[in-house]
N, C-alpha and C. Protein backbone atom coordinates (compact mmCIF):
# COMPACT_ATOMS: atom_id res chain seq x y z
N MET A 1 114.97 49.15 119.85
CA MET A 1 116.06 50.00 120.11
C MET A 1 115.73 51.41 120.20
N ALA A 2 115.86 52.07 121.16
CA ALA A 2 115.40 53.41 121.44
C ALA A 2 116.69 54.50 121.06
N TYR A 3 116.04 55.54 120.50
CA TYR A 3 116.99 56.58 120.01
C TYR A 3 116.65 57.90 120.77
N THR A 4 117.72 58.64 121.22
CA THR A 4 117.57 59.73 121.99
C THR A 4 118.12 60.85 121.33
N MET A 5 117.45 61.99 121.21
CA MET A 5 118.02 63.25 120.54
C MET A 5 118.14 64.19 121.65
N ILE A 6 119.22 64.97 121.57
CA ILE A 6 119.46 65.94 122.71
C ILE A 6 119.96 67.16 121.89
N ALA A 7 118.96 68.03 122.27
CA ALA A 7 119.22 69.51 121.57
C ALA A 7 119.58 70.43 122.78
N GLU A 8 120.64 71.37 122.40
CA GLU A 8 120.97 72.35 123.16
C GLU A 8 120.95 73.77 122.28
N ARG A 9 120.37 74.82 123.09
CA ARG A 9 120.51 76.44 122.56
C ARG A 9 120.49 77.28 123.96
N ASN A 10 121.44 78.17 123.92
CA ASN A 10 121.36 79.10 124.92
C ASN A 10 121.61 78.11 126.25
N ASN A 11 120.72 78.57 127.18
CA ASN A 11 120.62 77.75 128.43
C ASN A 11 119.50 76.96 128.53
N GLN A 12 118.91 76.38 127.18
CA GLN A 12 117.96 75.33 127.08
C GLN A 12 118.53 73.97 126.59
N LYS A 13 117.75 72.99 127.09
CA LYS A 13 118.18 71.66 126.73
C LYS A 13 116.77 70.99 126.46
N VAL A 14 116.72 70.26 125.36
CA VAL A 14 115.61 69.35 124.99
C VAL A 14 116.16 67.95 124.73
N ARG A 15 115.36 67.00 125.49
CA ARG A 15 115.81 65.57 125.19
C ARG A 15 114.51 64.93 124.90
N LYS A 16 114.58 64.18 123.57
CA LYS A 16 113.53 63.26 123.33
C LYS A 16 114.03 61.90 123.03
N GLN A 17 113.21 60.82 123.33
CA GLN A 17 113.55 59.57 123.31
C GLN A 17 112.29 58.80 122.60
N ARG A 18 112.69 58.32 121.27
CA ARG A 18 111.69 57.42 120.53
C ARG A 18 112.20 56.19 119.93
N GLU A 19 111.47 55.41 119.62
CA GLU A 19 111.51 54.01 119.12
C GLU A 19 111.89 54.20 117.62
N SER A 20 111.23 55.18 116.91
CA SER A 20 111.48 55.44 115.42
C SER A 20 112.77 56.21 114.91
N ALA A 21 113.70 55.81 114.37
CA ALA A 21 114.89 56.60 113.83
C ALA A 21 114.42 57.75 113.05
N LEU A 22 113.48 57.33 112.15
CA LEU A 22 113.03 58.29 111.25
C LEU A 22 112.23 59.77 111.98
N ILE A 23 111.59 59.39 113.03
CA ILE A 23 111.13 60.42 113.85
C ILE A 23 112.03 61.32 114.56
N VAL A 24 113.08 60.59 115.29
CA VAL A 24 114.15 61.27 116.00
C VAL A 24 114.94 62.17 114.85
N LEU A 25 115.14 61.40 113.67
CA LEU A 25 115.84 62.33 112.87
C LEU A 25 115.20 63.55 112.29
N ALA A 26 113.83 63.35 112.28
CA ALA A 26 113.01 64.52 111.43
C ALA A 26 113.05 65.52 112.63
N ASN A 27 112.88 65.23 113.86
CA ASN A 27 112.83 66.31 114.84
C ASN A 27 114.40 66.95 115.07
N ALA A 28 115.55 66.19 115.02
CA ALA A 28 116.68 66.60 115.12
C ALA A 28 116.93 67.52 113.83
N LEU A 29 116.51 67.33 112.64
CA LEU A 29 116.99 68.26 111.52
C LEU A 29 116.04 69.50 111.84
N MET A 30 114.67 69.48 112.17
CA MET A 30 114.02 70.65 112.27
C MET A 30 114.71 71.54 113.33
N LEU A 31 115.03 70.90 114.34
CA LEU A 31 115.59 71.86 115.58
C LEU A 31 117.15 72.25 115.17
N GLN A 32 117.84 71.54 114.37
CA GLN A 32 119.24 72.14 113.79
C GLN A 32 118.84 73.16 112.98
N SER A 33 117.86 73.20 112.05
CA SER A 33 117.59 74.19 111.13
C SER A 33 117.30 75.37 111.90
N GLU A 34 116.79 75.46 113.08
CA GLU A 34 116.44 76.44 113.86
C GLU A 34 117.45 76.95 114.78
N GLY A 35 118.75 76.48 114.54
CA GLY A 35 119.94 76.77 115.43
C GLY A 35 120.16 76.18 116.65
N TRP A 36 119.66 75.10 116.85
CA TRP A 36 119.99 74.32 118.08
C TRP A 36 121.24 73.44 117.90
N GLN A 37 122.04 73.06 118.73
CA GLN A 37 123.18 72.06 118.41
C GLN A 37 122.57 70.69 118.93
N VAL A 38 122.46 69.76 117.86
CA VAL A 38 121.66 68.67 118.15
C VAL A 38 122.66 67.28 117.92
N VAL A 39 122.50 66.37 118.80
CA VAL A 39 123.13 65.24 118.83
C VAL A 39 122.03 63.97 118.90
N ILE A 40 122.12 62.96 118.21
CA ILE A 40 121.44 61.76 118.28
C ILE A 40 122.37 60.40 118.86
N VAL A 41 121.72 60.09 120.17
CA VAL A 41 122.41 58.84 120.66
C VAL A 41 121.54 57.55 120.30
N ASP A 42 122.26 56.64 119.57
CA ASP A 42 121.52 55.30 119.42
C ASP A 42 121.47 54.42 120.68
N GLY A 43 121.04 53.11 120.68
CA GLY A 43 120.62 52.16 121.58
C GLY A 43 122.22 51.46 122.10
N ASP A 44 123.17 51.80 121.24
CA ASP A 44 124.53 51.19 121.58
C ASP A 44 125.25 52.26 122.29
N GLY A 45 124.67 53.61 122.33
CA GLY A 45 125.51 54.65 123.09
C GLY A 45 126.29 55.46 122.26
N SER A 46 126.41 55.27 120.91
CA SER A 46 126.98 55.99 119.97
C SER A 46 126.34 57.12 119.63
N ASP A 47 126.96 58.24 119.55
CA ASP A 47 126.46 59.64 119.41
C ASP A 47 126.69 60.14 117.90
N PHE A 48 125.79 60.82 117.24
CA PHE A 48 125.88 61.25 115.83
C PHE A 48 125.34 62.66 115.74
N GLU A 49 125.91 63.39 114.79
CA GLU A 49 125.45 64.45 114.31
C GLU A 49 124.22 64.22 113.33
N PRO A 50 123.15 64.92 113.19
CA PRO A 50 121.87 64.53 112.45
C PRO A 50 122.38 64.03 111.12
N ARG A 51 123.23 64.65 110.38
CA ARG A 51 123.66 64.22 108.86
C ARG A 51 124.35 62.96 109.13
N ALA A 52 125.05 62.79 109.96
CA ALA A 52 125.88 61.23 110.16
C ALA A 52 124.89 60.46 110.46
N PHE A 53 123.93 60.51 111.25
CA PHE A 53 122.79 59.66 111.59
C PHE A 53 122.20 59.25 110.41
N GLU A 54 121.50 60.34 109.70
CA GLU A 54 120.87 60.13 108.44
C GLU A 54 121.64 59.07 107.38
N ALA A 55 123.17 59.25 107.26
CA ALA A 55 123.94 58.41 106.59
C ALA A 55 123.96 57.04 107.01
N SER A 56 123.96 56.90 108.41
CA SER A 56 123.83 55.71 108.89
C SER A 56 122.59 54.83 108.70
N LEU A 57 121.67 55.63 108.57
CA LEU A 57 120.29 54.94 108.29
C LEU A 57 120.35 54.56 106.79
N ALA A 58 120.76 55.43 105.93
CA ALA A 58 120.87 54.99 104.45
C ALA A 58 121.68 53.69 104.29
N LYS A 59 122.72 53.42 105.20
CA LYS A 59 123.56 52.05 105.04
C LYS A 59 122.57 51.14 105.65
N ARG A 60 121.88 51.32 106.73
CA ARG A 60 121.03 50.12 107.36
C ARG A 60 119.78 49.78 106.54
N PHE A 61 119.11 50.75 105.93
CA PHE A 61 117.99 50.61 105.27
C PHE A 61 118.22 50.91 103.84
N SER A 62 117.91 49.86 102.94
CA SER A 62 118.17 50.26 101.59
C SER A 62 117.24 51.03 100.86
N TRP A 63 115.88 51.21 101.46
CA TRP A 63 115.03 52.00 100.82
C TRP A 63 115.31 53.59 101.01
N TYR A 64 116.02 53.57 102.16
CA TYR A 64 116.17 55.39 102.68
C TYR A 64 117.18 55.84 101.80
N GLN A 65 116.69 57.20 101.41
CA GLN A 65 117.73 57.95 100.46
C GLN A 65 118.15 59.16 101.26
N VAL A 66 119.36 59.69 101.30
CA VAL A 66 119.75 60.78 102.12
C VAL A 66 119.38 62.08 101.43
N LYS A 67 118.72 62.81 102.17
CA LYS A 67 118.27 63.98 101.45
C LYS A 67 119.36 65.05 101.36
N PRO A 68 119.26 65.95 100.38
CA PRO A 68 120.43 66.78 100.22
C PRO A 68 120.41 67.73 101.21
N GLU A 69 121.36 68.29 101.87
CA GLU A 69 121.41 69.37 102.80
C GLU A 69 121.06 70.78 102.17
N PRO A 70 120.08 71.39 102.91
CA PRO A 70 119.66 72.68 102.44
C PRO A 70 120.58 73.68 102.18
N VAL A 71 120.61 74.49 101.22
CA VAL A 71 121.52 75.46 101.09
C VAL A 71 121.05 76.62 101.75
N VAL A 72 121.69 77.29 102.67
CA VAL A 72 121.39 78.61 103.38
C VAL A 72 122.15 79.71 102.93
N ALA A 73 121.52 80.67 102.56
CA ALA A 73 122.21 81.95 102.02
C ALA A 73 122.92 82.76 103.17
N PRO A 74 124.04 83.23 103.16
CA PRO A 74 124.76 83.83 104.32
C PRO A 74 124.06 85.33 104.44
N GLU A 75 123.66 85.52 105.64
CA GLU A 75 123.23 87.01 105.88
C GLU A 75 124.18 88.06 105.78
N PRO A 76 123.88 89.16 105.12
CA PRO A 76 124.82 90.12 105.19
C PRO A 76 125.11 90.65 106.54
N ALA A 77 126.60 91.01 106.79
CA ALA A 77 127.00 91.48 107.85
C ALA A 77 126.60 92.85 108.21
N ASP A 78 126.47 93.64 107.24
CA ASP A 78 125.85 95.11 107.49
C ASP A 78 125.32 95.35 105.94
N GLU A 79 124.09 96.29 106.25
CA GLU A 79 123.55 96.61 105.03
C GLU A 79 124.09 97.67 104.38
N GLN A 80 125.04 98.54 104.98
CA GLN A 80 125.67 99.50 104.15
C GLN A 80 126.78 98.91 103.54
N LEU A 81 127.42 97.86 103.97
CA LEU A 81 128.50 97.14 103.30
C LEU A 81 127.91 96.41 102.06
N GLU A 82 126.62 95.93 102.19
CA GLU A 82 125.95 95.23 100.97
C GLU A 82 125.76 96.18 99.97
N ALA A 83 125.07 97.64 100.35
CA ALA A 83 124.81 98.43 99.48
C ALA A 83 126.15 98.97 98.74
N GLU A 84 127.32 99.06 99.36
CA GLU A 84 128.37 99.43 98.62
C GLU A 84 128.76 98.51 97.96
N ALA A 85 128.67 97.15 98.11
CA ALA A 85 129.12 95.96 97.23
C ALA A 85 128.26 96.26 96.00
N LEU A 86 126.79 96.42 95.92
CA LEU A 86 126.21 96.58 94.78
C LEU A 86 126.48 97.55 93.84
N VAL A 87 126.80 98.76 94.46
CA VAL A 87 127.17 99.75 93.67
C VAL A 87 128.55 99.52 93.03
N ALA A 88 129.53 99.14 93.83
CA ALA A 88 130.75 98.50 93.28
C ALA A 88 130.57 97.60 91.91
N ALA A 89 129.93 96.50 92.11
CA ALA A 89 129.37 95.52 91.18
C ALA A 89 129.01 96.22 89.87
N ALA A 90 127.91 97.13 90.06
CA ALA A 90 127.46 97.94 88.81
C ALA A 90 128.47 98.65 88.44
N LEU A 91 129.27 99.31 88.95
CA LEU A 91 130.14 100.13 88.20
C LEU A 91 131.27 99.42 87.52
N GLU A 92 131.60 98.23 88.23
CA GLU A 92 132.62 97.18 87.31
C GLU A 92 131.97 96.69 86.18
N ALA A 93 130.52 96.35 86.17
CA ALA A 93 129.85 95.67 85.03
C ALA A 93 129.94 96.87 84.09
N GLU A 94 129.73 98.16 84.36
CA GLU A 94 129.72 99.29 83.35
C GLU A 94 131.06 99.33 82.63
N ASP A 95 132.12 99.17 83.41
CA ASP A 95 133.47 99.42 83.01
C ASP A 95 133.90 98.16 82.00
N ILE A 96 133.27 96.87 82.45
CA ILE A 96 133.58 95.78 81.38
C ILE A 96 132.80 96.03 80.30
N GLU A 97 131.52 96.51 80.36
CA GLU A 97 130.67 96.94 79.13
C GLU A 97 131.37 97.80 78.10
N ALA A 98 132.05 98.83 78.72
CA ALA A 98 132.64 99.75 77.90
C ALA A 98 133.84 99.31 77.37
N ASP A 99 134.55 98.39 78.13
CA ASP A 99 135.81 97.74 77.58
C ASP A 99 135.59 96.87 76.29
N GLU A 100 134.55 96.16 76.53
CA GLU A 100 133.99 95.40 75.50
C GLU A 100 133.47 96.11 74.21
N LEU A 101 132.83 97.17 74.55
CA LEU A 101 132.52 97.98 73.27
C LEU A 101 133.77 98.61 72.43
N GLU A 102 134.63 98.98 73.35
CA GLU A 102 135.89 99.43 72.70
C GLU A 102 136.64 98.39 71.90
N MET A 103 136.80 97.25 72.46
CA MET A 103 137.26 96.11 71.78
C MET A 103 136.68 95.70 70.53
N ALA A 104 135.30 95.71 70.53
CA ALA A 104 134.72 95.43 69.49
C ALA A 104 134.69 96.18 68.23
N GLY A 105 135.27 97.46 68.53
CA GLY A 105 135.51 98.46 67.32
C GLY A 105 134.29 99.20 66.95
N HIS A 106 133.44 99.20 68.12
CA HIS A 106 132.19 100.08 68.01
C HIS A 106 132.81 101.48 68.56
N GLU A 107 132.38 102.51 67.84
CA GLU A 107 132.59 103.80 68.11
C GLU A 107 131.42 104.58 68.89
N ILE A 108 131.58 104.94 69.89
CA ILE A 108 130.52 105.65 70.59
C ILE A 108 130.45 107.21 70.20
N GLN A 109 129.22 107.60 69.60
CA GLN A 109 129.39 108.96 69.03
C GLN A 109 128.79 109.89 70.12
N ASP A 110 129.56 110.99 70.03
CA ASP A 110 129.07 112.16 70.89
C ASP A 110 128.02 112.91 70.42
N ILE A 111 126.72 113.21 70.88
CA ILE A 111 125.76 113.91 70.25
C ILE A 111 125.56 115.43 71.04
N ASP A 112 125.40 116.29 70.23
CA ASP A 112 125.46 117.66 70.82
C ASP A 112 123.86 118.08 71.13
N GLU A 113 123.85 118.53 72.16
CA GLU A 113 122.50 119.03 72.64
C GLU A 113 121.71 119.87 71.62
N SER A 114 122.58 120.74 70.76
CA SER A 114 122.05 121.70 69.86
C SER A 114 121.40 120.89 68.79
N ASP A 115 121.78 119.76 68.56
CA ASP A 115 121.11 118.77 67.54
C ASP A 115 119.58 118.58 67.68
N PHE A 116 119.11 118.83 68.92
CA PHE A 116 117.73 118.49 69.29
C PHE A 116 116.93 119.78 69.34
N ASP A 117 117.52 121.00 69.17
CA ASP A 117 116.80 122.33 69.18
C ASP A 117 116.18 122.51 67.78
N GLU A 118 116.62 122.07 66.71
CA GLU A 118 116.08 122.37 65.43
C GLU A 118 115.30 121.09 64.95
N ALA A 119 114.03 121.52 64.25
CA ALA A 119 113.28 120.37 63.66
C ALA A 119 113.97 119.90 62.30
N ASP A 120 113.86 118.76 61.93
CA ASP A 120 114.38 118.32 60.70
C ASP A 120 113.62 118.79 59.51
N PHE A 121 112.42 119.36 59.71
CA PHE A 121 111.78 119.74 58.37
C PHE A 121 111.25 121.24 58.54
N GLU A 122 110.67 121.72 57.64
CA GLU A 122 110.26 123.03 57.60
C GLU A 122 108.74 123.18 58.38
N ASP A 123 108.58 124.55 58.83
CA ASP A 123 107.05 124.78 59.32
C ASP A 123 106.00 124.17 58.48
N ALA A 124 106.18 124.62 57.31
CA ALA A 124 105.04 124.24 56.20
C ALA A 124 104.83 122.51 56.09
N ASP A 125 105.81 121.71 56.31
CA ASP A 125 105.80 120.48 56.33
C ASP A 125 105.28 119.95 57.43
N LEU A 126 105.61 120.72 58.63
CA LEU A 126 104.96 120.33 59.97
C LEU A 126 103.50 120.56 60.01
N GLU A 127 102.82 121.64 59.32
CA GLU A 127 101.32 121.85 59.09
C GLU A 127 100.77 120.94 58.40
N GLU A 128 101.43 120.64 57.38
CA GLU A 128 100.91 119.22 56.58
C GLU A 128 100.77 118.05 57.21
N THR A 129 101.95 117.75 58.04
CA THR A 129 101.98 116.33 58.71
C THR A 129 100.75 116.36 59.71
N MET A 130 100.55 117.61 60.43
CA MET A 130 99.76 117.32 61.50
C MET A 130 98.11 117.48 61.13
N PHE A 131 97.84 118.15 59.83
CA PHE A 131 96.49 118.20 59.39
C PHE A 131 96.27 117.25 57.95
N GLU A 132 97.14 116.37 57.88
CA GLU A 132 97.19 115.38 56.70
C GLU A 132 95.81 114.69 56.55
N ASP A 133 95.37 114.21 57.83
CA ASP A 133 94.09 113.40 57.87
C ASP A 133 92.82 114.16 58.11
N ALA A 134 92.98 115.44 58.37
CA ALA A 134 91.88 116.29 58.70
C ALA A 134 91.42 117.11 57.24
N ASP A 135 90.62 116.30 56.60
CA ASP A 135 90.13 116.62 55.38
C ASP A 135 88.53 117.15 55.40
N HIS A 136 88.04 117.23 56.63
CA HIS A 136 86.79 117.86 56.96
C HIS A 136 86.63 119.33 56.84
N ASP A 137 85.73 119.73 56.42
CA ASP A 137 85.59 121.20 56.37
C ASP A 137 84.71 121.46 57.81
N GLU A 138 84.61 122.74 57.89
CA GLU A 138 84.13 123.23 59.47
C GLU A 138 82.75 122.86 59.67
N THR A 139 81.72 122.77 58.52
CA THR A 139 80.41 122.42 58.66
C THR A 139 80.18 121.04 58.96
N GLU A 140 81.10 120.11 58.44
CA GLU A 140 81.01 118.73 58.67
C GLU A 140 81.32 118.50 60.16
N LEU A 141 82.44 119.23 60.51
CA LEU A 141 82.75 119.05 62.06
C LEU A 141 81.49 119.54 63.23
N THR A 142 80.95 120.74 62.80
CA THR A 142 79.84 121.09 63.58
C THR A 142 78.55 120.16 63.52
N GLU A 143 78.43 119.62 62.27
CA GLU A 143 77.32 118.75 62.34
C GLU A 143 77.47 117.32 63.07
N MET A 144 78.75 116.82 62.98
CA MET A 144 79.27 115.62 63.76
C MET A 144 79.15 115.87 65.37
N GLU A 145 79.64 117.13 65.75
CA GLU A 145 79.57 117.36 67.18
C GLU A 145 78.17 117.61 67.75
N PHE A 146 77.14 117.89 66.96
CA PHE A 146 75.76 118.09 67.55
C PHE A 146 74.88 117.08 66.88
N GLU A 147 75.28 115.87 66.90
CA GLU A 147 74.19 114.94 66.26
C GLU A 147 73.00 114.69 67.10
N GLY A 148 73.17 115.04 68.35
CA GLY A 148 72.04 114.79 69.42
C GLY A 148 70.92 116.00 69.24
N GLU A 149 70.42 116.38 70.28
CA GLU A 149 69.38 117.50 70.40
C GLU A 149 70.24 118.99 69.91
N PRO A 150 69.42 119.43 69.28
CA PRO A 150 70.18 120.92 68.90
C PRO A 150 70.32 121.86 70.04
N ALA A 151 71.48 122.50 69.96
CA ALA A 151 71.43 123.59 70.95
C ALA A 151 70.72 124.75 70.84
N GLU A 152 70.31 125.42 72.03
CA GLU A 152 69.32 126.60 71.98
C GLU A 152 70.25 127.72 71.83
């Protein structure tokens, strides 16, 4: 029994006739994924969409399993609208997060910028902290720096 695949797009038409139903189905699914309008005609003259033809193959052949239809993500209509939708979603997420914090009873504390202007410890403590590990005297540092050839 011969199977015929007819695919149309724009002003083009492709017709393939094969003996193998699986080859015709593979060609039809490939062309359909590329945007062609595809019909498969069997030997009895019945015409099928590729997915309907695949389902009929599964009924005829117990070993054949119908493949899941691929999920195609919709293309955004306009990049500007997509960007606006992303910003709106981010703002909505921030609002939801703020509402959840308020409901949870957590208090958001305001921090004054002047809190960062003053150090938490005295200047003397600062010098001790900075030079705590520097117990070397000046002669030791000079010897450590010039371990190679002496300078002239």
